[in-house]
Amino acid sequence: MKPDNFPKEIQPFLVPSPCGDLCYRCLGCKGEFPITKLLYVCPDCGEVLLIEDRDIQRLNKISGTTWQQIFDYRRMLKIPALKGIYRYHEFIGPNIPLESIVYLGEGHTPIVEANQRLQDLAGIRFFYKNDGQNPSASFKDRGMASALSYIKYLIDQQLVSDIIAVCASTGDTSAAAALYASYLQPHIKSAVLLPHNKVTPQQLSQPLGSGASVFEIPGVFDDCMKIVEKLSEEYNVALLNSKNAWRILGQESFSYEVAQDFEYEMHDKVIVVPIGNAGNISALMSGFIKFFNAGIITDLPKIIGVQSEHADPVFQYYLEPDRSKRQFKPVTVKSSVAQAAMIGNPVSMPRVIALADRYNTLAGEQRVFVTQVTEQAIMDWQLEANRNGHIACTQGGESLAGLVEALKQGIVTKTETAIVDATAHAMKFSGFQDLYFSEKIPEAFNIHSNQRFINRPKLVMPKDKKNIPGQGTPLGREDFNRFAEDVSKTIAQELNLTTNL
């Protein structure tokens, strides 16, 4: 639908022009710095940054109801730059011209209501938001679309050139970074650092297929992150981890989409997300705060972050009820099937602390919570979800396990509706399902295989094993009919079928 066909009062707002007054804001010393160059930490004190719009009050010149109409009508536009996360251009990257926006099909992932059986098992009405249906099969594409659009903007403005983009990853970040960087060849090349033998084969294949330079490093993600930080401090590279504040901006789109898909009614909603490097939960809080301040939503939903007991630094921090006594301490991670969240020292922890305080203050009560779940619960709830029509990864299992735990603790009630984040596609972590079904999960995970979930293929052989079809050796008609009859009877017995003859 073309802009001229929309209501006249909405037409001036449909196709946005660059606006805003963006800067990097330090969460430590509160210093501000121009966005004309790549920054990841404060040059003065070394703390992480957020991107702040110093002219954000301009958004309040438009009513919340009108903003809702703008986004709803914008949904019908055929302009590629506005099809993805930049449908919310004024809130994500208002300074970036549409011609600099990189769009590979990210965002607006399906929100699928769980069937009644699964809702009964969980004890609450809930939906899965399938972020595994992004281009690289994870939510990381949201942040990469923002970060790479910003870099393309700098390239278009001739402020940078010949970029080497680097990231540390547990698998999903590297896939997204390599994919989006490859789209901007020859201006950008990518390199990714992965912990050796700690990403799935599917995740490893993605950056390799996108042409990135892939380096496997002994240790865990936190060790890779330290090396990437050293590279960004000493060399001219673009850091694409969530330490990059532009990544956080892009991931805010998740909150905007949830608000829009639920008609901007958030009073009884609960958003459940896994926590790894903590960029995702930071972005959710930031996004909902922006929509709330602009009057687009009138209530802030509950947000529940979930961590495995094998990687739970954020949960441990919030165990202390007295805010004045809380001290963040990194943890040593153990093996986790929620591999993408297996991080003991999340770089966005300062963002979590600052934004959670702001979020709860705006809400007038505690609305941000963190729960801890077992590895067993993660795996069992993932399998349960996928037995009921979903495509949840292990982190999606972690989210659902966290929702069930929050319900047990009274953090949420059965009268609320939850939106559960499945951050990646089930296929990325299918190796853990294989280990579970074969009852070979290593002891370090502390998971036993529940016989109710185990599913294995069954080889069906006819009684006459000499006459079976093969590639290039088809059976004659009579032999095949005997083969088909024999195999059909065996399958019918397995399925307890009754004849219709």
Foldseek 3Di string as FASTA:
>chain_A
DDLVPDDPVLSVPQAAFADFDKWKAFLPPRDTHHPLDFDLADPVPRAFTAIDGPVLCVLLVDALVSVLVSLVVSCPDPLQLCPALCSVVSQQPRRFGSVLFDHDPAHPADWAWFDPVLCVVLLATETERQNLPGPLFFLLLLLLRQVNSSVSRSVVVVSDFQAEEEEEALQSNLLNNLQRQLVPPPGYAYEYEYAPPRFFPSSVVRSVVSPHHYHHDHDHRVVRHVVVVVCVVPHRHRYRDLSRNSSLSSLLSVLVSVCSVVVNEAAQEEEFFEAALNSNVLSVLSSQVSSCVSNNHVADHAYEYEEEPQADQPQVQVVDVDPVPGDGDFDDGFDALVSRRRHRHRSCVSSCVVSQVVSCVVNVHRRYYYYYDARQQLVVQVLVRVVRPDFAASRLSRRSSRSSVCCVVVVHDNVGYYYGYRGGGNVRSCVVVVCLLVQNDDCRRVYGRDPVRRDDDDDQAFPPNVQDDDVVRGGDPVSVVSRCVRRVVVVCVVVVHDDPD
